[in-house]
Amino acid sequence: MSAPWPPPPDLESIQQLVREADIEGHLAEGAPADEYEPEEEDLYAAISTWPTAQLTASSLQPIIEEIWRKSFNLNDSGIATRSTSIAALAAQIERFFGPEAKPQVR
């Protein structure tokens, strides 16, 4: 029996995608790899039970924004300056886990 496709989000993949996005630029500045661990765990907890059809960038972006707003004490202006990076992360999550996901080769 084959596994369902696309697979549901897993914490390790969410961690990798958040770290690749490096929305705050902390990793590029030399911060430890687990710099975003609280945000990664919050994001995973928020979406881990979502059906595949809901894992779209437009549904994910507000969740990521809210996590960033709380974690980094950001106002609307702070979120706006990060909107491109947040949208890119949401799109990557959709690409890997959303309704149109295709097997990825790294």
Protein backbone atom coordinates (compact mmCIF):
# COMPACT_ATOMS: atom_id res chain seq x y z
CA MET A 1 0.00 0.00 0.00
CA SER A 2 1.41 3.40 -0.91
CA ALA A 3 1.44 6.42 1.36
CA PRO A 4 -1.12 9.15 0.69
CA TRP A 5 -0.05 11.93 -1.66
CA PRO A 6 0.63 14.61 -0.88
CA PRO A 7 1.84 13.72 2.59
CA PRO A 8 0.65 15.80 5.54
CA PRO A 9 3.07 18.44 6.83
CA ASP A 10 5.77 17.10 9.13
CA LEU A 11 7.74 19.12 11.65
CA GLU A 12 11.11 18.42 10.02
CA SER A 13 9.94 19.72 6.64
CA ILE A 14 8.33 22.80 8.19
CA GLN A 15 11.59 23.48 10.04
CA GLN A 16 13.58 23.20 6.83
CA LEU A 17 11.23 25.52 4.91
CA VAL A 18 11.17 28.14 7.68
CA ARG A 19 14.96 28.04 7.96
CA GLU A 20 15.38 28.37 4.19
CA ALA A 21 13.02 31.37 4.24
CA ASP A 22 14.98 33.00 7.12
CA ILE A 23 12.38 35.78 7.27
CA GLU A 24 14.29 37.77 9.90
CA GLY A 25 17.71 37.17 8.33
CA HIS A 26 19.04 35.75 11.62
CA LEU A 27 20.48 32.58 10.08
CA ALA A 28 22.27 34.59 7.40
CA GLU A 29 23.81 36.59 10.24
CA GLY A 30 25.15 33.41 11.86
CA ALA A 31 22.42 32.54 14.38
CA PRO A 32 22.08 28.87 15.36
CA ALA A 33 19.96 26.64 13.12
CA ASP A 34 17.26 26.37 15.80
CA GLU A 35 16.73 30.16 15.89
CA TYR A 36 13.16 29.81 14.59
CA GLU A 37 12.25 26.70 16.58
CA PRO A 38 9.32 28.29 18.49
CA GLU A 39 7.86 29.65 15.26
CA GLU A 40 8.41 26.35 13.45
CA GLU A 41 6.64 24.45 16.22
CA ASP A 42 3.77 26.95 16.34
CA LEU A 43 3.33 26.78 12.57
CA TYR A 44 3.42 22.99 12.55
CA ALA A 45 0.88 22.83 15.40
CA ALA A 46 -1.40 25.24 13.54
CA ILE A 47 -1.44 23.37 10.22
CA SER A 48 -0.56 19.75 10.96
CA THR A 49 -4.19 18.62 10.96
CA TRP A 50 -5.37 20.74 8.04
CA PRO A 51 -6.73 18.86 5.02
CA THR A 52 -4.55 19.06 1.92
CA ALA A 53 -7.09 21.30 0.16
CA GLN A 54 -6.62 23.97 2.85
CA LEU A 55 -2.81 24.07 2.56
CA THR A 56 -2.75 26.96 0.12
CA ALA A 57 -0.59 30.07 0.28
CA SER A 58 -3.65 32.28 0.77
CA SER A 59 -4.70 30.22 3.81
CA LEU A 60 -1.19 29.85 5.20
CA GLN A 61 -0.04 33.47 4.94
CA PRO A 62 -2.34 34.84 7.69
CA ILE A 63 -1.26 32.02 10.02
CA ILE A 64 2.44 32.76 9.43
CA GLU A 65 1.79 36.50 9.86
CA GLU A 66 0.06 35.93 13.19
CA ILE A 67 2.89 33.72 14.47
CA TRP A 68 5.46 36.32 13.40
CA ARG A 69 3.39 39.14 14.88
CA LYS A 70 3.36 37.43 18.29
CA SER A 71 6.90 36.03 18.27
CA PHE A 72 8.62 39.22 17.16
CA ASN A 73 6.15 41.73 18.65
CA LEU A 74 5.39 43.19 15.22
CA ASN A 75 2.77 45.74 14.27
CA ASP A 76 1.15 46.01 10.84
CA SER A 77 4.14 47.93 9.51
CA GLY A 78 6.54 45.23 10.71
CA ILE A 79 4.44 42.56 9.04
CA ALA A 80 4.23 44.63 5.84
CA THR A 81 8.04 44.84 5.56
CA ARG A 82 8.18 41.04 5.77
CA SER A 83 5.17 40.32 3.56
CA THR A 84 7.19 39.20 0.53
CA SER A 85 9.19 36.72 2.60
CA ILE A 86 6.11 35.49 4.44
CA ALA A 87 4.25 35.02 1.14
CA ALA A 88 7.22 33.10 -0.28
CA LEU A 89 7.25 30.77 2.75
CA ALA A 90 3.50 30.20 2.43
CA ALA A 91 3.97 29.39 -1.27
CA GLN A 92 6.74 26.91 -0.48
CA ILE A 93 4.60 25.11 2.08
CA GLU A 94 1.79 24.93 -0.48
CA ARG A 95 4.25 23.63 -3.08
CA PHE A 96 5.30 20.76 -0.82
CA PHE A 97 2.01 19.93 0.93
CA GLY A 98 -0.86 21.67 -0.87
CA PRO A 99 -3.44 20.31 -3.30
CA GLU A 100 -1.15 20.63 -6.34
CA ALA A 101 1.94 19.19 -4.61
CA LYS A 102 4.22 17.03 -6.71
CA PRO A 103 6.95 14.70 -5.46
CA GLN A 104 10.05 16.81 -4.78
CA VAL A 105 13.56 15.83 -5.74
CA ARG A 106 16.23 17.63 -3.81
